[in-house]
Protein backbone atom coordinates (compact mmCIF):
# COMPACT_ATOMS: atom_id res chain seq x y z
CA MET A 1 0.00 0.00 0.00
CA PHE A 2 1.19 3.48 -0.84
CA ASP A 3 1.27 4.83 2.72
CA LEU A 4 1.54 8.61 2.99
CA SER A 5 0.34 8.80 6.57
CA GLU A 6 3.68 9.50 8.28
CA LYS A 7 4.71 12.20 5.81
CA ASN A 8 1.33 13.92 5.76
CA LEU A 9 0.81 13.55 9.49
CA THR A 10 4.04 15.49 10.01
CA ARG A 11 2.78 18.24 7.71
CA ILE A 12 -0.51 18.40 9.60
CA LEU A 13 1.15 18.53 13.02
CA ASN A 14 3.60 21.21 11.92
CA GLN A 15 0.89 23.53 10.60
CA SER A 16 0.30 26.51 12.87
CA ASP A 17 -0.84 30.11 12.92
CA PRO A 18 1.07 32.65 15.05
CA ALA A 19 -2.19 34.41 15.97
CA LEU A 20 -3.50 31.19 17.56
CA LYS A 21 -0.25 30.10 19.21
CA ASN A 22 -1.40 30.42 22.83
CA THR A 23 -4.76 28.74 22.38
CA PRO A 24 -5.78 25.11 23.11
CA ILE A 25 -5.86 24.32 19.37
CA GLU A 26 -3.84 21.15 18.69
CA ILE A 27 -4.73 20.60 15.02
CA LEU A 28 -5.86 23.18 12.48
CA PRO A 29 -7.80 22.12 9.39
CA PHE A 30 -5.34 21.56 6.52
CA TYR A 31 -7.39 23.00 3.69
CA ASP A 32 -4.49 23.01 1.23
CA GLY A 33 -4.74 19.35 0.24
CA LEU A 34 -5.10 17.35 3.46
CA SER A 35 -8.64 17.93 4.66
CA LEU A 36 -12.05 16.40 4.14
CA ALA A 37 -13.02 19.51 2.16
CA ASN A 38 -10.51 18.59 -0.57
CA ILE A 39 -12.11 15.21 -1.28
CA PRO A 40 -14.91 16.40 -3.63
CA SER A 41 -12.49 18.24 -5.92
CA SER A 42 -10.33 15.11 -6.14
CA ILE A 43 -13.39 12.99 -6.94
CA CYS A 44 -14.30 15.36 -9.76
CA SER A 45 -10.73 15.34 -11.08
CA TRP A 46 -10.67 11.51 -11.04
CA PHE A 47 -13.93 11.55 -12.99
CA ASP A 48 -12.21 14.04 -15.31
CA ILE A 49 -14.91 16.69 -14.84
CA PRO A 50 -14.58 20.29 -13.57
CA ALA A 51 -13.82 20.52 -9.85
CA PRO A 52 -15.52 22.94 -7.43
CA ARG A 53 -12.15 24.14 -6.14
CA SER A 54 -8.53 23.93 -7.29
CA GLU A 55 -7.24 22.41 -4.03
CA VAL A 56 -7.28 18.64 -4.48
CA LEU A 57 -5.97 15.99 -2.10
CA ALA A 58 -2.20 15.81 -1.76
CA VAL A 59 -2.18 12.16 -2.82
CA PRO A 60 -1.15 10.59 -6.14
CA ASN A 61 -3.78 9.64 -8.68
CA PRO A 62 -5.14 6.09 -8.31
CA PRO A 63 -3.13 3.34 -10.07
CA ILE A 64 -5.66 3.17 -12.88
CA LYS A 65 -6.18 5.20 -16.03
CA LEU A 66 -8.79 7.84 -15.29
CA GLU A 67 -10.84 6.92 -18.34
CA LYS A 68 -11.28 3.42 -16.86
CA ILE A 69 -12.92 4.72 -13.66
CA LYS A 70 -16.64 4.02 -14.02
CA ASN A 71 -17.67 4.27 -10.38
CA ILE A 72 -16.45 6.11 -7.30
CA ILE A 73 -17.73 5.12 -3.85
CA LEU A 74 -17.23 7.55 -0.98
CA LEU A 75 -17.84 5.78 2.32
CA LEU A 76 -18.18 8.26 5.18
CA VAL A 77 -17.85 6.55 8.57
CA ASP A 78 -19.20 9.08 11.05
CA GLY A 79 -16.97 9.49 14.10
CA LEU A 80 -14.11 7.25 12.89
CA PRO A 81 -10.81 8.52 14.35
CA TYR A 82 -7.56 8.14 12.48
CA HIS A 83 -6.01 5.70 14.97
CA ARG A 84 -8.87 3.18 14.60
CA MET A 85 -8.31 2.87 10.86
CA VAL A 86 -4.56 2.53 11.38
CA ALA A 87 -5.12 -0.32 13.86
CA TRP A 88 -7.48 -2.08 11.41
CA LEU A 89 -4.98 -1.86 8.55
CA GLU A 90 -2.18 -3.18 10.77
CA LYS A 91 -4.39 -6.09 11.77
CA LEU A 92 -5.17 -6.91 8.14
CA GLN A 93 -1.49 -6.83 7.27
CA HIS A 94 -0.72 -9.61 9.76
CA ARG A 95 -3.71 -11.86 9.04
CA ARG A 96 -2.65 -14.84 6.95
CA VAL A 97 -6.14 -15.42 5.57
CA PHE A 98 -6.09 -11.90 4.17
CA LYS A 99 -2.56 -12.08 2.75
CA SER A 100 -3.53 -12.25 -0.93
CA ASN A 101 -5.89 -9.32 -0.54
CA TRP A 102 -3.28 -7.40 1.46
CA ASP A 103 -0.91 -7.82 -1.48
CA TYR A 104 -3.73 -6.41 -3.62
CA PHE A 105 -3.99 -3.46 -1.21
CA GLY A 106 -0.29 -2.90 -1.70
CA GLU A 107 -0.64 -2.63 -5.46
CA HIS A 108 -3.98 -0.84 -5.72
CA GLY A 109 -4.41 1.15 -2.51
CA ALA A 110 -3.23 4.32 -0.79
CA PHE A 111 -3.62 5.58 2.76
CA THR A 112 -3.04 8.90 4.47
CA ALA A 113 -4.00 11.03 7.42
CA LEU A 114 -6.33 13.96 6.80
CA THR A 115 -7.93 16.56 9.01
CA SER A 116 -11.53 17.35 9.62
CA ILE A 117 -12.72 20.90 9.06
CA ALA A 118 -13.94 23.52 11.52
CA PRO A 119 -15.88 22.73 13.54
CA SER A 120 -15.12 19.01 13.51
CA THR A 121 -18.74 17.97 13.16
CA THR A 122 -21.07 16.23 10.75
CA ALA A 123 -23.38 19.00 9.53
CA ASN A 124 -20.66 21.15 8.02
CA ALA A 125 -18.51 18.17 6.91
CA VAL A 126 -21.34 16.64 4.88
CA THR A 127 -22.17 20.06 3.45
CA SER A 128 -18.56 20.40 2.27
CA LEU A 129 -18.70 16.90 0.75
CA TRP A 130 -21.85 17.73 -1.22
CA THR A 131 -20.80 21.23 -2.33
CA GLY A 132 -17.03 20.89 -2.64
CA LYS A 133 -16.74 24.18 -0.76
CA PHE A 134 -15.10 25.23 2.50
CA PRO A 135 -17.26 26.12 5.54
CA ALA A 136 -16.48 29.81 5.04
CA GLU A 137 -18.18 29.53 1.65
CA HIS A 138 -21.24 27.38 2.40
CA GLY A 139 -21.98 28.84 5.83
CA VAL A 140 -22.96 25.66 7.69
CA ILE A 141 -20.51 26.10 10.55
CA GLY A 142 -21.97 23.99 13.34
CA TYR A 143 -24.58 21.57 14.66
CA GLU A 144 -26.65 24.42 16.07
CA LEU A 145 -26.54 27.88 14.52
CA TYR A 146 -28.07 31.21 15.39
CA LEU A 147 -29.47 32.49 12.11
CA ARG A 148 -29.85 36.22 12.51
CA GLU A 149 -31.90 36.49 9.33
CA TYR A 150 -34.62 34.39 11.03
CA ASN A 151 -33.78 35.32 14.65
CA ARG A 152 -33.74 31.65 15.60
CA ILE A 153 -31.28 28.93 16.60
CA LEU A 154 -31.64 25.91 14.31
CA ASN A 155 -30.42 22.34 14.48
CA MET A 156 -28.65 22.17 11.13
CA ILE A 157 -29.10 18.41 10.61
CA LEU A 158 -32.80 18.17 11.46
CA GLN A 159 -33.32 21.83 10.49
CA THR A 160 -35.70 22.31 13.37
CA GLU A 161 -35.77 25.06 15.97
CA VAL A 162 -33.70 24.36 19.08
CA TYR A 163 -36.04 26.57 21.12
CA PRO A 164 -39.41 26.12 19.37
CA ASN A 165 -41.87 28.97 19.15
CA ALA A 166 -45.03 28.15 21.08
CA ASP A 167 -47.16 29.89 18.45
CA PRO A 168 -48.97 27.11 16.49
CA ASN A 169 -49.15 29.40 13.47
CA THR A 170 -45.35 29.56 13.15
CA GLU A 171 -44.29 28.08 9.83
CA PRO A 172 -41.72 25.24 9.91
CA PHE A 173 -38.32 26.05 8.50
CA ASP A 174 -37.37 24.58 5.16
CA LEU A 175 -33.90 25.86 4.39
CA TYR A 176 -33.88 24.12 1.03
CA GLN A 177 -36.95 26.02 -0.06
CA LYS A 178 -35.46 29.21 1.37
CA ASN A 179 -32.36 28.80 -0.83
CA PHE A 180 -30.27 28.86 2.32
CA LEU A 181 -27.03 27.64 0.72
CA PRO A 182 -25.13 30.36 -1.16
CA VAL A 183 -23.30 27.72 -3.23
CA ALA A 184 -24.39 24.96 -5.61
CA THR A 185 -24.59 21.30 -4.62
CA LEU A 186 -22.87 18.55 -6.59
CA GLY A 187 -25.85 16.41 -7.58
CA PRO A 188 -26.76 18.52 -10.63
CA HIS A 189 -23.05 18.88 -11.47
CA PHE A 190 -22.55 15.10 -11.64
CA ASN A 191 -25.69 14.63 -13.72
CA GLN A 192 -24.62 17.37 -16.11
CA HIS A 193 -21.43 15.43 -16.84
CA GLY A 194 -23.05 12.03 -17.32
CA ILE A 195 -22.47 10.66 -13.81
CA THR A 196 -25.47 9.36 -11.85
CA PRO A 197 -25.15 10.23 -8.13
CA TYR A 198 -26.59 8.01 -5.38
CA ALA A 199 -26.83 8.54 -1.64
CA LEU A 200 -27.15 5.47 0.58
CA GLN A 201 -28.19 6.43 4.10
CA HIS A 202 -30.11 4.74 6.90
CA GLU A 203 -33.86 5.02 6.42
CA SER A 204 -34.18 7.02 9.65
CA ILE A 205 -32.28 9.99 8.20
CA ASN A 206 -32.99 9.55 4.52
CA GLY A 207 -35.42 12.48 4.51
CA SER A 208 -33.76 14.73 7.08
CA GLY A 209 -33.65 18.47 6.56
CA LEU A 210 -29.95 18.42 5.77
CA SER A 211 -30.39 15.58 3.27
CA SER A 212 -33.20 17.44 1.53
CA MET A 213 -31.03 20.55 1.28
CA LEU A 214 -27.94 18.76 -0.08
CA LEU A 215 -29.25 15.91 -2.20
CA ALA A 216 -31.09 17.63 -5.04
CA ASP A 217 -30.97 15.52 -8.23
CA VAL A 218 -29.47 12.61 -6.27
CA THR A 219 -31.05 9.15 -6.20
CA LYS A 220 -31.66 8.34 -2.53
CA VAL A 221 -31.33 4.69 -1.53
CA PRO A 222 -32.39 4.09 2.09
CA TYR A 223 -31.08 1.02 3.89
CA THR A 224 -32.18 -0.76 7.07
CA SER A 225 -28.93 -2.31 8.31
CA LEU A 226 -25.22 -2.50 7.61
CA GLU A 227 -25.68 -5.69 5.61
CA ASP A 228 -28.49 -4.06 3.65
CA MET A 229 -26.25 -1.09 2.85
CA TRP A 230 -23.60 -3.31 1.26
CA ARG A 231 -26.19 -5.42 -0.56
CA LYS A 232 -27.76 -2.32 -2.10
CA THR A 233 -24.33 -0.90 -2.93
CA GLY A 234 -23.59 -4.01 -4.97
CA GLU A 235 -26.97 -3.78 -6.70
CA VAL A 236 -26.40 -0.15 -7.69
CA LEU A 237 -22.92 -0.94 -9.02
CA ASP A 238 -24.08 -3.95 -11.03
CA HIS A 239 -27.18 -2.30 -12.50
CA ASP A 240 -26.63 -0.83 -15.97
CA ARG A 241 -22.84 -1.10 -15.98
CA THR A 242 -22.61 1.19 -19.00
CA ASN A 243 -23.33 4.29 -16.87
CA ARG A 244 -20.84 6.05 -14.64
CA LYS A 245 -21.95 6.36 -11.02
CA TYR A 246 -21.03 8.20 -7.84
CA LEU A 247 -22.10 6.46 -4.64
CA TYR A 248 -22.09 8.25 -1.29
CA LEU A 249 -22.41 5.84 1.64
CA TYR A 250 -22.97 7.14 5.16
CA TRP A 251 -22.72 4.97 8.29
CA SER A 252 -23.48 6.64 11.63
CA GLU A 253 -23.53 3.87 14.25
CA LEU A 254 -19.91 4.35 15.34
CA ASP A 255 -20.57 8.02 16.10
CA THR A 256 -23.84 7.26 17.89
CA LEU A 257 -22.22 4.66 20.17
CA SER A 258 -19.18 6.88 20.77
CA HIS A 259 -21.54 9.59 22.03
CA ARG A 260 -23.61 7.27 24.20
CA SER A 261 -21.03 4.82 25.54
CA GLY A 262 -17.74 6.63 24.91
CA PRO A 263 -15.35 6.36 21.95
CA ASP A 264 -13.18 3.80 23.76
CA SER A 265 -16.02 1.64 25.09
CA ARG A 266 -16.43 -2.06 24.34
CA ARG A 267 -19.75 -1.41 22.56
CA THR A 268 -18.10 1.09 20.23
CA GLY A 269 -15.21 -1.28 19.58
CA ASN A 270 -17.56 -4.16 18.82
CA ALA A 271 -19.50 -2.03 16.34
CA TRP A 272 -16.27 -1.14 14.58
CA HIS A 273 -15.22 -4.80 14.36
CA TRP A 274 -18.62 -5.76 12.90
CA PHE A 275 -18.30 -2.94 10.39
CA ASN A 276 -14.81 -4.16 9.44
CA TYR A 277 -16.11 -7.66 8.86
CA ASN A 278 -18.78 -6.44 6.45
CA LEU A 279 -16.40 -4.04 4.70
CA GLU A 280 -13.88 -6.84 4.17
CA LYS A 281 -16.62 -9.09 2.73
CA PHE A 282 -17.56 -6.36 0.26
CA ILE A 283 -13.93 -5.77 -0.73
CA ASP A 284 -13.33 -9.52 -1.13
CA GLY A 285 -16.31 -9.84 -3.43
CA ARG A 286 -15.38 -6.90 -5.64
CA ILE A 287 -11.75 -8.03 -5.90
CA ALA A 288 -12.93 -11.51 -6.91
CA ALA A 289 -15.14 -9.98 -9.61
CA GLY A 290 -12.01 -8.51 -11.16
CA ASN A 291 -13.65 -5.46 -12.76
CA LYS A 292 -11.08 -2.91 -11.56
CA ASP A 293 -13.29 -0.03 -12.64
CA THR A 294 -14.41 1.22 -9.23
CA LEU A 295 -12.57 3.48 -6.80
CA LEU A 296 -13.49 2.96 -3.14
CA LEU A 297 -12.72 5.85 -0.79
CA VAL A 298 -13.10 5.41 2.98
CA THR A 299 -12.89 8.39 5.30
CA SER A 300 -14.60 10.06 8.24
CA ASP A 301 -15.99 13.46 9.12
CA HIS A 302 -14.28 13.69 12.52
CA GLY A 303 -13.06 11.65 15.48
CA GLN A 304 -14.27 11.83 19.08
CA ILE A 305 -12.89 12.63 22.51
CA ALA A 306 -14.06 10.92 25.71
CA THR A 307 -15.86 13.27 28.11
CA ASP A 308 -17.21 12.94 31.62
CA ILE A 309 -20.68 14.01 32.69
CA GLN A 310 -19.87 16.82 35.10
CA PRO A 311 -22.45 19.29 36.48
CA LYS A 312 -19.90 22.11 36.36
CA PHE A 313 -20.03 22.06 32.56
CA GLU A 314 -23.83 22.40 32.43
CA VAL A 315 -24.51 26.09 31.83
CA ARG A 316 -28.24 25.98 31.09
CA HIS A 317 -29.14 26.80 34.71
CA ASP A 318 -26.21 29.16 35.33
CA GLN A 319 -28.03 32.49 35.55
CA ALA A 320 -24.88 34.61 35.81
CA PHE A 321 -23.52 32.94 32.67
CA MET A 322 -26.73 33.25 30.65
CA ASP A 323 -27.40 36.85 31.74
CA CYS A 324 -24.24 37.91 29.89
CA LEU A 325 -25.52 36.56 26.57
CA GLN A 326 -27.93 37.99 24.02
CA VAL A 327 -28.95 34.48 22.91
CA PRO A 328 -28.00 31.02 24.24
CA PRO A 329 -24.70 29.51 23.07
CA SER A 330 -24.67 27.76 19.69
CA GLY A 331 -22.18 25.95 17.47
CA GLU A 332 -20.69 22.95 19.25
CA SER A 333 -20.30 22.00 22.90
CA ARG A 334 -16.54 21.85 22.22
CA PHE A 335 -16.50 24.99 20.07
CA PRO A 336 -19.28 27.31 21.28
CA TYR A 337 -20.23 30.55 19.56
CA LEU A 338 -21.15 33.32 21.97
CA PHE A 339 -23.15 36.49 21.54
CA VAL A 340 -21.91 38.36 24.60
CA LYS A 341 -23.72 41.58 25.45
CA PRO A 342 -21.33 44.50 24.79
CA ASN A 343 -21.80 45.85 28.32
CA LYS A 344 -21.25 42.41 29.88
CA ILE A 345 -17.91 41.36 28.38
CA GLU A 346 -15.90 41.92 31.57
CA ASP A 347 -18.59 40.23 33.67
CA PHE A 348 -18.56 37.24 31.33
CA GLN A 349 -14.78 36.92 31.51
CA GLN A 350 -15.04 36.94 35.31
CA VAL A 351 -17.72 34.24 35.26
CA LEU A 352 -15.48 32.05 33.09
CA GLU A 353 -12.50 32.47 35.38
CA GLN A 354 -14.51 31.87 38.55
CA ARG A 355 -16.36 28.82 37.22
CA TRP A 356 -13.68 27.06 35.19
CA GLY A 357 -10.30 28.73 35.71
CA ASP A 358 -8.16 28.02 32.64
CA GLN A 359 -10.39 25.26 31.20
CA PHE A 360 -11.76 27.60 28.52
CA HIS A 361 -9.96 30.09 26.32
CA LEU A 362 -12.17 33.00 25.26
CA LEU A 363 -11.21 34.37 21.87
CA PRO A 364 -12.74 37.07 19.67
CA SER A 365 -14.45 35.27 16.80
CA SER A 366 -12.74 37.69 14.42
CA ALA A 367 -9.37 36.15 15.34
CA LEU A 368 -10.53 32.71 14.17
CA LEU A 369 -12.01 34.15 11.00
CA ASP A 370 -8.82 36.09 10.25
CA ALA A 371 -6.77 32.92 10.76
CA GLY A 372 -8.84 31.10 8.14
CA VAL A 373 -10.02 28.22 10.35
CA PHE A 374 -13.11 27.95 8.14
CA GLY A 375 -11.07 27.83 4.95
CA GLU A 376 -11.05 31.45 3.83
CA LYS A 377 -9.68 34.51 5.60
CA SER A 378 -12.25 36.75 3.95
CA THR A 379 -15.74 35.71 5.00
CA SER A 380 -19.13 37.21 4.39
CA PRO A 381 -20.99 39.23 7.05
CA VAL A 382 -23.50 36.36 7.15
CA ILE A 383 -20.82 33.92 8.35
CA GLN A 384 -19.62 36.43 10.92
CA SER A 385 -23.16 36.91 12.20
CA ARG A 386 -23.44 33.18 12.97
CA MET A 387 -20.39 33.14 15.24
CA GLY A 388 -21.20 36.00 17.59
CA ASN A 389 -18.47 38.22 18.97
CA PHE A 390 -16.63 35.51 20.94
CA SER A 391 -15.84 31.80 20.72
CA ALA A 392 -14.73 29.51 23.53
CA LEU A 393 -11.99 26.91 23.04
CA PRO A 394 -11.82 24.19 25.73
CA ASN A 395 -8.66 22.76 27.23
CA GLY A 396 -8.47 18.98 27.58
CA ASN A 397 -11.89 17.36 27.36
CA ALA A 398 -13.91 20.27 28.77
CA TYR A 399 -17.19 21.28 27.15
CA TRP A 400 -20.41 23.20 27.80
CA TRP A 401 -23.87 21.67 27.90
CA TRP A 402 -26.72 24.12 27.34
CA ALA A 403 -29.46 21.91 25.87
CA ASN A 404 -32.80 21.70 27.68
CA LYS A 405 -32.42 17.96 28.24
CA GLU A 406 -30.35 15.54 30.27
CA ASN A 407 -26.62 15.53 29.58
CA HIS A 408 -25.84 11.92 28.68
CA LEU A 409 -22.91 12.12 26.25
CA LEU A 410 -19.69 10.25 27.05
CA GLY A 411 -18.03 11.25 23.79
CA ARG A 412 -18.02 14.55 21.89
CA HIS A 413 -16.47 16.35 18.96
CA GLY A 414 -16.42 19.77 17.35
CA GLY A 415 -13.12 20.93 18.83
CA PHE A 416 -9.51 21.05 17.68
CA SER A 417 -7.90 18.19 19.62
CA LYS A 418 -5.96 15.49 17.78
CA LEU A 419 -8.60 12.90 18.65
CA GLU A 420 -11.33 15.03 17.06
CA MET A 421 -9.45 16.47 14.10
CA LEU A 422 -7.33 13.61 12.69
CA THR A 423 -9.19 11.44 10.20
CA PRO A 424 -8.19 8.57 7.87
CA PHE A 425 -8.38 8.38 4.10
CA LEU A 426 -8.11 5.06 2.28
CA SER A 427 -8.44 4.63 -1.49
CA LEU A 428 -8.62 1.27 -3.22
CA VAL A 429 -9.26 0.26 -6.83
CA LEU A 430 -11.83 -2.55 -7.04
């Protein structure tokens, strides 16, 4: 296998910004060729069609003539940290029963470390994958966002109000119908160039608000289980083999279990092993078929960091904290956006120091924007309005919990730690 992980990991770890030197940031998004946001442009270049951006992945082209690529599969494993994929590949390398296929990996595969984007969360990662644009361009910069144009905080995956209006006459939000995205999605682009796009997602999220917004002109294929996902993937590939296809596969169970049981729990580990087993079966079958016209890409949107349930991090009932804010916090629990009242900035800083000491680093949001953590140093006023005037960066595994429900998460993401930001990228010709 063409392993670029050590070389590229060094590049990622050495990246820094002087303006953010004394902050808790461990890993910055590497938008210049080593981030999730570069994947769509590489996919387009491998299909030999125009790319949404010029920055492609800093990896060599697949060991196959581009004109022979009929299908590209992008498998997004939600919440898969870099080190888990490394451990799986090392295990495969030493399994005798997999030796012939490992030799195949060596000739037809490549592996590298990548970074997530900012924040390291699903809503903005998937939006980047389906637009080919950086967060600074598409504007989906968190799980929950205060949208000043509607004066509401929305859950960006479900696209529902976080604090619903009690008025029964209030119209539901449909961001797709409101033309919320300022950039085009890739479904029409693929179709325009003779490539049929498919999205395989679990039936429970197949019609979510985010999916509706991103998957225009995409054939949606809901599945009921992991085995069903791979069965339907094979059916799509084998149906009408004269057409070129792009398949987006999304598997969320690893992320769900990492949140509920912790990223290092036995339940999470067992789910990963079961996923590996099914992935290996799929790879075995496609290698045996011998078509060598499909490019499989496996990556993740982010990792996770283990967190404890501690009352001191629950700010929803902290009146002194909330009184300093114009609206409740938004963004991510590990990367909160804050709209601090101008006359309460000093009071808010005192509350932070008294409650948490040095566990949170308060930073003007403009400093993060100027550093380009969202991919562009020049951002629109709309993006700026979604961040507020301050952002909080946690040290260690600290977080804030402001939701009006029980805090039950043992794993989180959204921040800039190595565990959250480092992601794997595997490519394999099948």
